[in-house]
Amino acid sequence: MSSEKVAESLLKIGAIKLRPENPFKWASGWNSPIYCDNRFSLSFPDVRNIIKEELVSLVKDYFPQAEAIVGVATAGIPQGTLIADKMNLPFLYVRPKPKDHGMENLIEGKVTPGQKVVVVEDLISTGGSSLKAVEALRDGGIEVLGMVSIFTYGFDLAEKNFKDKGVLLKSLTDYNALLKEAIKLGYIKESDLETLKSWRTAPEKWSV
């Protein structure tokens, strides 16, 4: 399935919303004309299954040596579980910080040093939290083959961060494919494109 078709599915169920004239406010403080919540897709079996099958295909095509699937908490956990179940592989997940009780685990599941894994995320913005999970896995002696995600904004900073950490990222769809579908389906107007593209270039400075 093409990246445009995945973007179309996410737009139609409202997992991705575009509001160039009435921006959202991200937790980082950035103004944004787009809001992406791919967890919403879990409530739509048809879209959920499309995403599952396409992510499985990415893992098989790019990381055929995978011995386990790892989700990044929290949004990567359900997607990673679906992939691991479909591929009949072990599943683990990485917390944002260690538990404050019990075994104080940062990685949940059976950690096997030397095991080859693929990390699953739902969304890539700057890549900061995703790459922290990779670092935790590597610190645990696990070999990270790469990462798959549903959507990436395609920020230059994210591309640099992944390259610097030596992590191959493969996403089902991205910002450019989204804009193409959003225009075609009437979610935005041609006149919105300039501001939407300028946001992606410098999101920390963007405002309407």
N, C-alpha and C. Protein backbone atom coordinates (compact mmCIF):
# COMPACT_ATOMS: atom_id res chain seq x y z
N MET A 1 0.84 -1.20 0.00
CA MET A 1 0.00 0.00 0.00
C MET A 1 0.88 1.25 0.00
N SER A 2 0.47 2.27 -0.75
CA SER A 2 1.26 3.49 -0.86
C SER A 2 1.16 4.32 0.40
N SER A 3 2.15 5.21 0.58
CA SER A 3 2.12 6.11 1.74
C SER A 3 0.91 7.04 1.67
N GLU A 4 0.49 7.39 0.45
CA GLU A 4 -0.69 8.26 0.30
C GLU A 4 -1.95 7.56 0.81
N LYS A 5 -2.08 6.26 0.54
CA LYS A 5 -3.27 5.53 0.99
C LYS A 5 -3.32 5.40 2.51
N VAL A 6 -2.15 5.21 3.12
CA VAL A 6 -2.11 5.16 4.59
C VAL A 6 -2.51 6.53 5.15
N ALA A 7 -1.99 7.60 4.55
CA ALA A 7 -2.35 8.95 4.98
C ALA A 7 -3.85 9.18 4.83
N GLU A 8 -4.42 8.71 3.72
CA GLU A 8 -5.85 8.85 3.50
C GLU A 8 -6.65 8.18 4.61
N SER A 9 -6.24 6.97 4.99
CA SER A 9 -6.94 6.24 6.05
C SER A 9 -6.90 7.00 7.37
N LEU A 10 -5.74 7.58 7.69
CA LEU A 10 -5.59 8.32 8.95
C LEU A 10 -6.41 9.61 8.94
N LEU A 11 -6.47 10.27 7.80
CA LEU A 11 -7.28 11.48 7.67
C LEU A 11 -8.76 11.18 7.83
N LYS A 12 -9.20 10.12 7.19
CA LYS A 12 -10.64 9.81 7.16
C LYS A 12 -11.20 9.45 8.53
N ILE A 13 -10.39 8.84 9.38
CA ILE A 13 -10.89 8.50 10.72
C ILE A 13 -10.62 9.60 11.74
N GLY A 14 -9.91 10.65 11.33
CA GLY A 14 -9.63 11.75 12.24
C GLY A 14 -8.43 11.54 13.13
N ALA A 15 -7.57 10.56 12.79
CA ALA A 15 -6.34 10.36 13.57
C ALA A 15 -5.37 11.51 13.32
N ILE A 16 -5.45 12.09 12.12
CA ILE A 16 -4.67 13.28 11.79
C ILE A 16 -5.63 14.41 11.46
N LYS A 17 -5.39 15.55 12.10
CA LYS A 17 -6.21 16.74 11.85
C LYS A 17 -5.32 17.88 11.39
N LEU A 18 -5.80 18.65 10.42
CA LEU A 18 -5.07 19.80 9.90
C LEU A 18 -5.89 21.06 10.13
N ARG A 19 -5.26 22.04 10.83
CA ARG A 19 -5.92 23.32 11.10
C ARG A 19 -4.94 24.46 10.91
N PRO A 20 -4.59 24.77 9.66
CA PRO A 20 -3.60 25.82 9.43
C PRO A 20 -4.04 27.20 9.91
N GLU A 21 -5.36 27.46 9.96
CA GLU A 21 -5.84 28.78 10.38
C GLU A 21 -6.10 28.87 11.88
N ASN A 22 -6.15 27.73 12.56
CA ASN A 22 -6.42 27.68 13.99
C ASN A 22 -5.51 26.64 14.63
N PRO A 23 -4.22 26.95 14.78
CA PRO A 23 -3.22 25.94 15.14
C PRO A 23 -3.45 25.29 16.50
N PHE A 24 -2.90 24.10 16.60
CA PHE A 24 -2.84 23.39 17.88
C PHE A 24 -1.60 23.88 18.63
N LYS A 25 -1.58 23.64 19.92
CA LYS A 25 -0.40 23.93 20.75
C LYS A 25 0.16 22.60 21.24
N TRP A 26 1.41 22.31 20.87
CA TRP A 26 2.05 21.10 21.32
C TRP A 26 2.59 21.27 22.73
N ALA A 27 2.87 20.14 23.38
CA ALA A 27 3.44 20.18 24.74
C ALA A 27 4.77 20.93 24.77
N SER A 28 5.48 20.90 23.65
CA SER A 28 6.77 21.60 23.56
C SER A 28 6.60 23.12 23.54
N GLY A 29 5.34 23.57 23.34
CA GLY A 29 5.08 25.00 23.21
C GLY A 29 4.99 25.46 21.77
N TRP A 30 5.36 24.56 20.83
CA TRP A 30 5.27 24.91 19.42
C TRP A 30 3.81 25.07 18.99
N ASN A 31 3.56 26.03 18.12
CA ASN A 31 2.28 26.10 17.41
C ASN A 31 2.35 25.14 16.23
N SER A 32 1.26 24.45 15.97
CA SER A 32 1.28 23.47 14.89
C SER A 32 -0.04 23.44 14.14
N PRO A 33 0.02 23.39 12.81
CA PRO A 33 -1.20 23.27 12.02
C PRO A 33 -1.70 21.84 11.91
N ILE A 34 -0.96 20.91 12.53
CA ILE A 34 -1.32 19.50 12.43
C ILE A 34 -1.31 18.85 13.81
N TYR A 35 -2.26 17.94 14.02
CA TYR A 35 -2.26 17.13 15.23
C TYR A 35 -2.42 15.68 14.81
N CYS A 36 -1.53 14.84 15.29
CA CYS A 36 -1.52 13.43 14.90
C CYS A 36 -1.64 12.55 16.13
N ASP A 37 -2.69 11.74 16.17
CA ASP A 37 -2.88 10.78 17.27
C ASP A 37 -3.21 9.43 16.65
N ASN A 38 -2.17 8.69 16.31
CA ASN A 38 -2.37 7.40 15.65
C ASN A 38 -2.98 6.34 16.55
N ARG A 39 -3.01 6.59 17.87
CA ARG A 39 -3.69 5.65 18.78
C ARG A 39 -5.17 5.55 18.45
N PHE A 40 -5.69 6.62 17.84
CA PHE A 40 -7.09 6.65 17.45
C PHE A 40 -7.42 5.51 16.48
N SER A 41 -6.43 5.10 15.69
CA SER A 41 -6.64 4.04 14.70
C SER A 41 -6.98 2.70 15.34
N LEU A 42 -6.60 2.53 16.59
CA LEU A 42 -6.88 1.26 17.28
C LEU A 42 -8.37 1.01 17.44
N SER A 43 -9.18 2.06 17.38
CA SER A 43 -10.63 1.93 17.53
C SER A 43 -11.33 1.60 16.22
N PHE A 44 -10.56 1.53 15.13
CA PHE A 44 -11.13 1.25 13.81
C PHE A 44 -10.48 -0.01 13.26
N PRO A 45 -11.14 -1.17 13.40
CA PRO A 45 -10.50 -2.44 13.02
C PRO A 45 -9.94 -2.47 11.61
N ASP A 46 -10.64 -1.89 10.64
CA ASP A 46 -10.15 -1.93 9.26
C ASP A 46 -8.82 -1.19 9.14
N VAL A 47 -8.76 0.01 9.71
CA VAL A 47 -7.52 0.81 9.64
C VAL A 47 -6.44 0.18 10.50
N ARG A 48 -6.83 -0.30 11.67
CA ARG A 48 -5.87 -0.98 12.56
C ARG A 48 -5.20 -2.14 11.84
N ASN A 49 -5.98 -2.92 11.10
CA ASN A 49 -5.42 -4.07 10.40
C ASN A 49 -4.54 -3.65 9.22
N ILE A 50 -4.93 -2.57 8.53
CA ILE A 50 -4.08 -2.05 7.46
C ILE A 50 -2.72 -1.67 8.02
N ILE A 51 -2.73 -0.91 9.12
CA ILE A 51 -1.48 -0.46 9.73
C ILE A 51 -0.64 -1.65 10.20
N LYS A 52 -1.29 -2.60 10.84
CA LYS A 52 -0.57 -3.79 11.31
C LYS A 52 0.11 -4.52 10.15
N GLU A 53 -0.64 -4.78 9.09
CA GLU A 53 -0.09 -5.52 7.96
C GLU A 53 1.04 -4.75 7.28
N GLU A 54 0.88 -3.44 7.16
CA GLU A 54 1.91 -2.63 6.50
C GLU A 54 3.18 -2.53 7.36
N LEU A 55 3.02 -2.43 8.69
CA LEU A 55 4.20 -2.41 9.56
C LEU A 55 4.92 -3.75 9.54
N VAL A 56 4.16 -4.83 9.52
CA VAL A 56 4.76 -6.16 9.41
C VAL A 56 5.57 -6.26 8.12
N SER A 57 5.01 -5.72 7.04
CA SER A 57 5.72 -5.75 5.75
C SER A 57 7.03 -4.98 5.82
N LEU A 58 7.02 -3.81 6.51
CA LEU A 58 8.25 -3.04 6.67
C LEU A 58 9.30 -3.85 7.42
N VAL A 59 8.89 -4.50 8.49
CA VAL A 59 9.84 -5.30 9.28
C VAL A 59 10.42 -6.42 8.42
N LYS A 60 9.56 -7.12 7.69
CA LYS A 60 10.03 -8.24 6.86
C LYS A 60 10.94 -7.77 5.73
N ASP A 61 10.60 -6.62 5.14
CA ASP A 61 11.37 -6.13 3.99
C ASP A 61 12.73 -5.57 4.40
N TYR A 62 12.77 -4.83 5.52
CA TYR A 62 13.99 -4.11 5.87
C TYR A 62 14.77 -4.75 7.02
N PHE A 63 14.09 -5.52 7.86
CA PHE A 63 14.77 -6.10 9.03
C PHE A 63 14.41 -7.59 9.17
N PRO A 64 14.70 -8.37 8.14
CA PRO A 64 14.29 -9.79 8.17
C PRO A 64 14.97 -10.62 9.27
N GLN A 65 16.06 -10.07 9.85
CA GLN A 65 16.77 -10.82 10.91
C GLN A 65 16.12 -10.61 12.28
N ALA A 66 15.04 -9.85 12.34
CA ALA A 66 14.43 -9.51 13.64
C ALA A 66 14.07 -10.76 14.45
N GLU A 67 14.49 -10.73 15.71
CA GLU A 67 14.20 -11.83 16.63
C GLU A 67 13.19 -11.44 17.69
N ALA A 68 12.88 -10.14 17.78
CA ALA A 68 11.89 -9.66 18.74
C ALA A 68 11.44 -8.26 18.30
N ILE A 69 10.28 -7.86 18.81
CA ILE A 69 9.71 -6.55 18.53
C ILE A 69 9.66 -5.77 19.84
N VAL A 70 10.04 -4.49 19.78
CA VAL A 70 10.04 -3.65 20.98
C VAL A 70 9.19 -2.40 20.74
N GLY A 71 8.23 -2.15 21.64
CA GLY A 71 7.42 -0.95 21.57
C GLY A 71 7.98 0.14 22.46
N VAL A 72 7.81 1.39 22.05
CA VAL A 72 8.18 2.53 22.88
C VAL A 72 6.94 3.02 23.60
N ALA A 73 6.98 3.06 24.94
CA ALA A 73 5.82 3.48 25.71
C ALA A 73 5.50 4.95 25.43
N THR A 74 4.20 5.28 25.34
CA THR A 74 3.11 4.32 25.46
C THR A 74 2.53 3.93 24.11
N ALA A 75 2.56 4.85 23.15
CA ALA A 75 1.83 4.63 21.90
C ALA A 75 2.40 3.50 21.05
N GLY A 76 3.68 3.18 21.23
CA GLY A 76 4.26 2.10 20.45
C GLY A 76 3.95 0.72 20.99
N ILE A 77 3.37 0.66 22.19
CA ILE A 77 3.09 -0.64 22.80
C ILE A 77 2.00 -1.41 22.06
N PRO A 78 0.81 -0.83 21.83
CA PRO A 78 -0.22 -1.62 21.13
C PRO A 78 0.19 -1.99 19.71
N GLN A 79 0.83 -1.05 18.99
CA GLN A 79 1.24 -1.36 17.63
C GLN A 79 2.30 -2.47 17.63
N GLY A 80 3.25 -2.37 18.54
CA GLY A 80 4.28 -3.39 18.63
C GLY A 80 3.73 -4.75 19.01
N THR A 81 2.75 -4.77 19.90
CA THR A 81 2.12 -6.03 20.29
C THR A 81 1.44 -6.70 19.11
N LEU A 82 0.73 -5.90 18.31
CA LEU A 82 0.05 -6.43 17.13
C LEU A 82 1.05 -7.03 16.14
N ILE A 83 2.17 -6.33 15.93
CA ILE A 83 3.19 -6.83 15.01
C ILE A 83 3.81 -8.12 15.53
N ALA A 84 4.19 -8.12 16.81
CA ALA A 84 4.82 -9.31 17.41
C ALA A 84 3.88 -10.51 17.34
N ASP A 85 2.60 -10.27 17.58
CA ASP A 85 1.62 -11.37 17.53
C ASP A 85 1.52 -11.93 16.11
N LYS A 86 1.42 -11.03 15.14
CA LYS A 86 1.30 -11.45 13.74
C LYS A 86 2.53 -12.23 13.29
N MET A 87 3.72 -11.82 13.76
CA MET A 87 4.97 -12.45 13.35
C MET A 87 5.41 -13.57 14.28
N ASN A 88 4.63 -13.79 15.34
CA ASN A 88 4.95 -14.82 16.33
C ASN A 88 6.35 -14.62 16.90
N LEU A 89 6.62 -13.36 17.29
CA LEU A 89 7.92 -13.02 17.87
C LEU A 89 7.74 -12.52 19.30
N PRO A 90 8.78 -12.61 20.12
CA PRO A 90 8.72 -12.05 21.47
C PRO A 90 8.47 -10.54 21.41
N PHE A 91 7.86 -10.01 22.48
CA PHE A 91 7.60 -8.58 22.56
C PHE A 91 8.14 -8.02 23.86
N LEU A 92 8.74 -6.83 23.78
CA LEU A 92 9.19 -6.09 24.95
C LEU A 92 8.75 -4.64 24.76
N TYR A 93 8.80 -3.87 25.83
CA TYR A 93 8.62 -2.43 25.65
C TYR A 93 9.53 -1.67 26.58
N VAL A 94 9.80 -0.41 26.18
CA VAL A 94 10.71 0.44 26.92
C VAL A 94 9.93 1.57 27.57
N ARG A 95 10.11 1.73 28.88
CA ARG A 95 9.47 2.81 29.62
C ARG A 95 10.23 4.13 29.41
N PRO A 96 9.57 5.27 29.61
CA PRO A 96 10.30 6.54 29.54
C PRO A 96 11.29 6.70 30.69
N LYS A 97 11.01 6.05 31.82
CA LYS A 97 11.94 6.04 32.94
C LYS A 97 11.69 4.77 33.74
N PRO A 98 12.67 4.31 34.53
CA PRO A 98 12.50 3.07 35.28
C PRO A 98 11.33 3.14 36.26
N LYS A 99 10.72 1.98 36.52
CA LYS A 99 9.71 1.90 37.56
C LYS A 99 10.31 2.31 38.90
N ASP A 100 9.47 2.90 39.76
CA ASP A 100 9.99 3.34 41.05
C ASP A 100 9.73 2.31 42.15
N HIS A 101 9.42 1.07 41.74
CA HIS A 101 9.20 0.00 42.73
C HIS A 101 9.54 -1.34 42.09
N GLY A 102 9.48 -2.38 42.90
CA GLY A 102 9.74 -3.73 42.40
C GLY A 102 11.14 -3.86 41.82
N MET A 103 11.20 -4.38 40.59
CA MET A 103 12.50 -4.60 39.93
C MET A 103 13.06 -3.33 39.31
N GLU A 104 12.29 -2.25 39.36
CA GLU A 104 12.72 -0.96 38.82
C GLU A 104 13.14 -1.07 37.35
N ASN A 105 12.35 -1.83 36.59
CA ASN A 105 12.69 -2.07 35.19
C ASN A 105 12.52 -0.83 34.32
N LEU A 106 13.43 -0.69 33.38
CA LEU A 106 13.27 0.29 32.30
C LEU A 106 12.73 -0.42 31.06
N ILE A 107 13.23 -1.64 30.84
CA ILE A 107 12.76 -2.49 29.75
C ILE A 107 11.88 -3.59 30.33
N GLU A 108 10.67 -3.71 29.83
CA GLU A 108 9.74 -4.73 30.32
C GLU A 108 9.70 -5.89 29.33
N GLY A 109 9.83 -7.10 29.86
CA GLY A 109 9.88 -8.30 29.04
C GLY A 109 11.21 -9.00 29.25
N LYS A 110 11.39 -10.13 28.61
CA LYS A 110 12.63 -10.90 28.76
C LYS A 110 13.74 -10.27 27.93
N VAL A 111 14.74 -9.73 28.61
CA VAL A 111 15.87 -9.10 27.94
C VAL A 111 16.93 -10.17 27.66
N THR A 112 17.26 -10.33 26.37
CA THR A 112 18.25 -11.32 25.97
C THR A 112 19.41 -10.61 25.29
N PRO A 113 20.55 -10.46 25.96
CA PRO A 113 21.70 -9.78 25.35
C PRO A 113 22.05 -10.40 24.00
N GLY A 114 22.31 -9.54 23.02
CA GLY A 114 22.65 -10.00 21.68
C GLY A 114 21.44 -10.20 20.78
N GLN A 115 20.25 -10.15 21.36
CA GLN A 115 19.03 -10.34 20.57
C GLN A 115 18.85 -9.19 19.57
N LYS A 116 18.45 -9.53 18.36
CA LYS A 116 18.23 -8.54 17.31
C LYS A 116 16.76 -8.09 17.34
N VAL A 117 16.53 -6.79 17.49
CA VAL A 117 15.16 -6.30 17.64
C VAL A 117 14.86 -5.15 16.68
N VAL A 118 13.58 -4.96 16.45
CA VAL A 118 13.07 -3.79 15.72
C VAL A 118 12.20 -3.00 16.69
N VAL A 119 12.42 -1.70 16.74
CA VAL A 119 11.66 -0.83 17.64
C VAL A 119 10.47 -0.25 16.87
N VAL A 120 9.34 -0.15 17.57
CA VAL A 120 8.11 0.34 16.95
C VAL A 120 7.64 1.62 17.63
N GLU A 121 7.40 2.64 16.82
CA GLU A 121 6.82 3.90 17.28
C GLU A 121 5.57 4.20 16.46
N ASP A 122 4.67 5.01 17.00
CA ASP A 122 3.52 5.41 16.18
C ASP A 122 3.83 6.68 15.42
N LEU A 123 4.64 7.57 16.01
CA LEU A 123 4.84 8.90 15.46
C LEU A 123 6.27 9.38 15.72
N ILE A 124 6.90 9.97 14.71
CA ILE A 124 8.24 10.52 14.87
C ILE A 124 8.18 12.03 14.66
N SER A 125 8.57 12.79 15.69
CA SER A 125 8.71 14.24 15.52
C SER A 125 10.21 14.54 15.47
N THR A 126 10.82 14.86 16.60
CA THR A 126 12.27 15.09 16.59
C THR A 126 13.05 13.79 16.76
N GLY A 127 12.38 12.75 17.25
CA GLY A 127 13.04 11.47 17.46
C GLY A 127 13.67 11.32 18.83
N GLY A 128 13.56 12.35 19.69
CA GLY A 128 14.24 12.33 20.98
C GLY A 128 13.86 11.15 21.86
N SER A 129 12.56 10.99 22.14
CA SER A 129 12.13 9.91 23.04
C SER A 129 12.36 8.54 22.41
N SER A 130 12.18 8.45 21.10
CA SER A 130 12.38 7.18 20.40
C SER A 130 13.83 6.73 20.50
N LEU A 131 14.74 7.66 20.33
CA LEU A 131 16.16 7.31 20.37
C LEU A 131 16.66 7.06 21.79
N LYS A 132 15.98 7.63 22.79
CA LYS A 132 16.30 7.28 24.18
C LYS A 132 15.99 5.81 24.43
N ALA A 133 14.89 5.33 23.84
CA ALA A 133 14.54 3.92 23.97
C ALA A 133 15.60 3.04 23.31
N VAL A 134 16.09 3.47 22.16
CA VAL A 134 17.16 2.73 21.48
C VAL A 134 18.40 2.67 22.36
N GLU A 135 18.74 3.79 22.98
CA GLU A 135 19.91 3.85 23.86
C GLU A 135 19.75 2.88 25.03
N ALA A 136 18.54 2.83 25.62
CA ALA A 136 18.29 1.92 26.74
C ALA A 136 18.45 0.47 26.31
N LEU A 137 17.98 0.14 25.13
CA LEU A 137 18.12 -1.22 24.62
C LEU A 137 19.58 -1.58 24.37
N ARG A 138 20.30 -0.65 23.77
CA ARG A 138 21.72 -0.91 23.52
C ARG A 138 22.49 -1.05 24.82
N ASP A 139 22.13 -0.25 25.82
CA ASP A 139 22.77 -0.36 27.14
C ASP A 139 22.51 -1.74 27.76
N GLY A 140 21.36 -2.33 27.39
CA GLY A 140 21.01 -3.67 27.89
C GLY A 140 21.62 -4.79 27.07
N GLY A 141 22.47 -4.43 26.10
CA GLY A 141 23.15 -5.45 25.30
C GLY A 141 22.33 -5.97 24.13
N ILE A 142 21.24 -5.28 23.81
CA ILE A 142 20.36 -5.70 22.72
C ILE A 142 20.78 -5.00 21.43
N GLU A 143 20.75 -5.73 20.33
CA GLU A 143 21.11 -5.16 19.03
C GLU A 143 19.87 -4.59 18.34
N VAL A 144 19.86 -3.29 18.14
CA VAL A 144 18.72 -2.62 17.49
C VAL A 144 18.98 -2.57 15.98
N LEU A 145 18.16 -3.30 15.22
CA LEU A 145 18.31 -3.33 13.77
C LEU A 145 17.81 -2.04 13.13
N GLY A 146 16.78 -1.45 13.74
CA GLY A 146 16.19 -0.23 13.20
C GLY A 146 14.85 0.03 13.83
N MET A 147 14.11 0.97 13.26
CA MET A 147 12.83 1.38 13.82
C MET A 147 11.80 1.53 12.71
N VAL A 148 10.56 1.17 13.02
CA VAL A 148 9.44 1.42 12.10
C VAL A 148 8.42 2.30 12.82
N SER A 149 7.73 3.13 12.03
CA SER A 149 6.69 3.99 12.61
C SER A 149 5.55 4.13 11.61
N ILE A 150 4.42 4.61 12.12
CA ILE A 150 3.27 4.86 11.25
C ILE A 150 3.48 6.16 10.47
N PHE A 151 3.90 7.22 11.18
CA PHE A 151 3.97 8.54 10.56
C PHE A 151 5.21 9.29 11.04
N THR A 152 5.80 10.05 10.13
CA THR A 152 6.89 10.95 10.50
C THR A 152 6.64 12.32 9.89
N TYR A 153 6.95 13.36 10.66
CA TYR A 153 6.84 14.72 10.14
C TYR A 153 7.97 15.03 9.15
N GLY A 154 9.05 14.27 9.21
CA GLY A 154 10.15 14.48 8.29
C GLY A 154 11.00 15.70 8.59
N PHE A 155 11.06 16.08 9.86
CA PHE A 155 11.90 17.21 10.24
C PHE A 155 13.37 16.90 9.94
N ASP A 156 14.10 17.93 9.49
CA ASP A 156 15.54 17.76 9.27
C ASP A 156 16.25 17.33 10.55
N LEU A 157 15.80 17.88 11.69
CA LEU A 157 16.41 17.54 12.97
C LEU A 157 16.27 16.06 13.28
N ALA A 158 15.11 15.50 12.98
CA ALA A 158 14.90 14.06 13.23
C ALA A 158 15.82 13.23 12.34
N GLU A 159 15.92 13.62 11.09
CA GLU A 159 16.79 12.88 10.16
C GLU A 159 18.24 12.90 10.67
N LYS A 160 18.68 14.05 11.15
CA LYS A 160 20.04 14.17 11.70
C LYS A 160 20.19 13.31 12.95
N ASN A 161 19.19 13.36 13.84
CA ASN A 161 19.27 12.59 15.09
C ASN A 161 19.37 11.09 14.82
N PHE A 162 18.57 10.60 13.91
CA PHE A 162 18.61 9.17 13.59
C PHE A 162 19.93 8.79 12.93
N LYS A 163 20.41 9.65 12.05
CA LYS A 163 21.68 9.38 11.40
C LYS A 163 22.82 9.37 12.40
N ASP A 164 22.81 10.34 13.32
CA ASP A 164 23.87 10.42 14.33
C ASP A 164 23.91 9.18 15.22
N LYS A 165 22.74 8.61 15.50
CA LYS A 165 22.66 7.42 16.36
C LYS A 165 22.78 6.12 15.58
N GLY A 166 22.89 6.22 14.25
CA GLY A 166 23.03 5.01 13.44
C GLY A 166 21.80 4.14 13.44
N VAL A 167 20.63 4.78 13.40
CA VAL A 167 19.37 4.02 13.43
C VAL A 167 18.61 4.24 12.12
N LEU A 168 18.32 3.15 11.42
CA LEU A 168 17.54 3.22 10.19
C LEU A 168 16.06 3.30 10.55
N LEU A 169 15.39 4.34 10.05
CA LEU A 169 13.97 4.54 10.31
C LEU A 169 13.18 4.34 9.02
N LYS A 170 12.11 3.54 9.11
CA LYS A 170 11.20 3.35 8.00
C LYS A 170 9.77 3.64 8.48
N SER A 171 9.09 4.55 7.79
CA SER A 171 7.74 4.94 8.19
C SER A 171 6.74 4.63 7.09
N LEU A 172 5.51 4.34 7.50
CA LEU A 172 4.46 4.03 6.52
C LEU A 172 4.08 5.24 5.69
N THR A 173 4.04 6.40 6.33
CA THR A 173 3.67 7.61 5.60
C THR A 173 4.33 8.82 6.25
N ASP A 174 4.27 9.95 5.55
CA ASP A 174 4.97 11.13 6.03
C ASP A 174 4.20 12.40 5.69
N TYR A 175 4.77 13.52 6.06
CA TYR A 175 4.10 14.82 5.92
C TYR A 175 3.81 15.17 4.46
N ASN A 176 4.75 14.88 3.57
CA ASN A 176 4.53 15.20 2.16
C ASN A 176 3.38 14.40 1.57
N ALA A 177 3.33 13.11 1.87
CA ALA A 177 2.23 12.27 1.38
C ALA A 177 0.91 12.74 1.97
N LEU A 178 0.95 13.15 3.24
CA LEU A 178 -0.26 13.64 3.90
C LEU A 178 -0.82 14.87 3.20
N LEU A 179 0.05 15.83 2.88
CA LEU A 179 -0.41 17.06 2.22
C LEU A 179 -1.02 16.75 0.85
N LYS A 180 -0.42 15.83 0.11
CA LYS A 180 -0.98 15.45 -1.19
C LYS A 180 -2.40 14.91 -1.04
N GLU A 181 -2.59 14.02 -0.09
CA GLU A 181 -3.91 13.43 0.10
C GLU A 181 -4.90 14.44 0.67
N ALA A 182 -4.43 15.29 1.56
CA ALA A 182 -5.32 16.28 2.17
C ALA A 182 -5.85 17.26 1.12
N ILE A 183 -5.01 17.65 0.16
CA ILE A 183 -5.45 18.50 -0.94
C ILE A 183 -6.47 17.76 -1.81
N LYS A 184 -6.13 16.53 -2.16
CA LYS A 184 -6.97 15.73 -3.06
C LYS A 184 -8.36 15.48 -2.46
N LEU A 185 -8.39 15.25 -1.15
CA LEU A 185 -9.65 14.91 -0.48
C LEU A 185 -10.41 16.14 0.04
N GLY A 186 -9.80 17.32 -0.10
CA GLY A 186 -10.50 18.54 0.29
C GLY A 186 -10.40 18.91 1.76
N TYR A 187 -9.42 18.33 2.48
CA TYR A 187 -9.24 18.68 3.88
C TYR A 187 -8.56 20.04 4.03
N ILE A 188 -7.76 20.42 3.04
CA ILE A 188 -7.11 21.73 3.02
C ILE A 188 -7.21 22.29 1.60
N LYS A 189 -6.90 23.56 1.47
CA LYS A 189 -6.93 24.23 0.17
C LYS A 189 -5.51 24.41 -0.36
N GLU A 190 -5.41 24.58 -1.65
CA GLU A 190 -4.09 24.84 -2.26
C GLU A 190 -3.42 26.04 -1.61
N SER A 191 -4.22 27.02 -1.23
CA SER A 191 -3.67 28.24 -0.62
C SER A 191 -3.08 27.99 0.77
N ASP A 192 -3.39 26.83 1.36
CA ASP A 192 -2.85 26.48 2.68
C ASP A 192 -1.44 25.90 2.59
N LEU A 193 -1.05 25.47 1.40
CA LEU A 193 0.20 24.71 1.27
C LEU A 193 1.43 25.49 1.69
N GLU A 194 1.48 26.75 1.36
CA GLU A 194 2.68 27.54 1.68
C GLU A 194 2.92 27.58 3.18
N THR A 195 1.87 27.87 3.96
CA THR A 195 2.05 27.95 5.41
C THR A 195 2.32 26.57 6.01
N LEU A 196 1.70 25.52 5.45
CA LEU A 196 1.93 24.17 5.95
C LEU A 196 3.38 23.72 5.69
N LYS A 197 3.91 24.09 4.54
CA LYS A 197 5.30 23.74 4.23
C LYS A 197 6.28 24.57 5.05
N SER A 198 5.94 25.84 5.30
CA SER A 198 6.83 26.69 6.09
C SER A 198 6.90 26.21 7.54
N TRP A 199 5.80 25.65 8.06
CA TRP A 199 5.81 25.10 9.42
C TRP A 199 6.81 23.96 9.53
N ARG A 200 6.82 23.07 8.56
CA ARG A 200 7.71 21.91 8.62
C ARG A 200 9.18 22.34 8.56
N THR A 201 9.44 23.47 7.90
CA THR A 201 10.82 23.95 7.78
C THR A 201 11.36 24.49 9.10
N ALA A 202 10.51 25.22 9.85
CA ALA A 202 10.94 25.82 11.13
C ALA A 202 9.78 25.81 12.12
N PRO A 203 9.40 24.64 12.63
CA PRO A 203 8.22 24.55 13.49
C PRO A 203 8.32 25.32 14.79
N GLU A 204 9.55 25.49 15.30
CA GLU A 204 9.72 26.18 16.58
C GLU A 204 9.46 27.68 16.45
N LYS A 205 9.50 28.19 15.22
CA LYS A 205 9.31 29.63 15.00
C LYS A 205 7.97 29.96 14.35
N TRP A 206 7.24 28.95 13.92
CA TRP A 206 6.06 29.17 13.06
C TRP A 206 4.89 29.73 13.83
N SER A 207 4.17 30.64 13.19
CA SER A 207 2.90 31.13 13.71
C SER A 207 2.08 31.64 12.54
N VAL A 208 0.76 31.73 12.73
CA VAL A 208 -0.09 32.22 11.65
C VAL A 208 -0.19 33.73 11.74
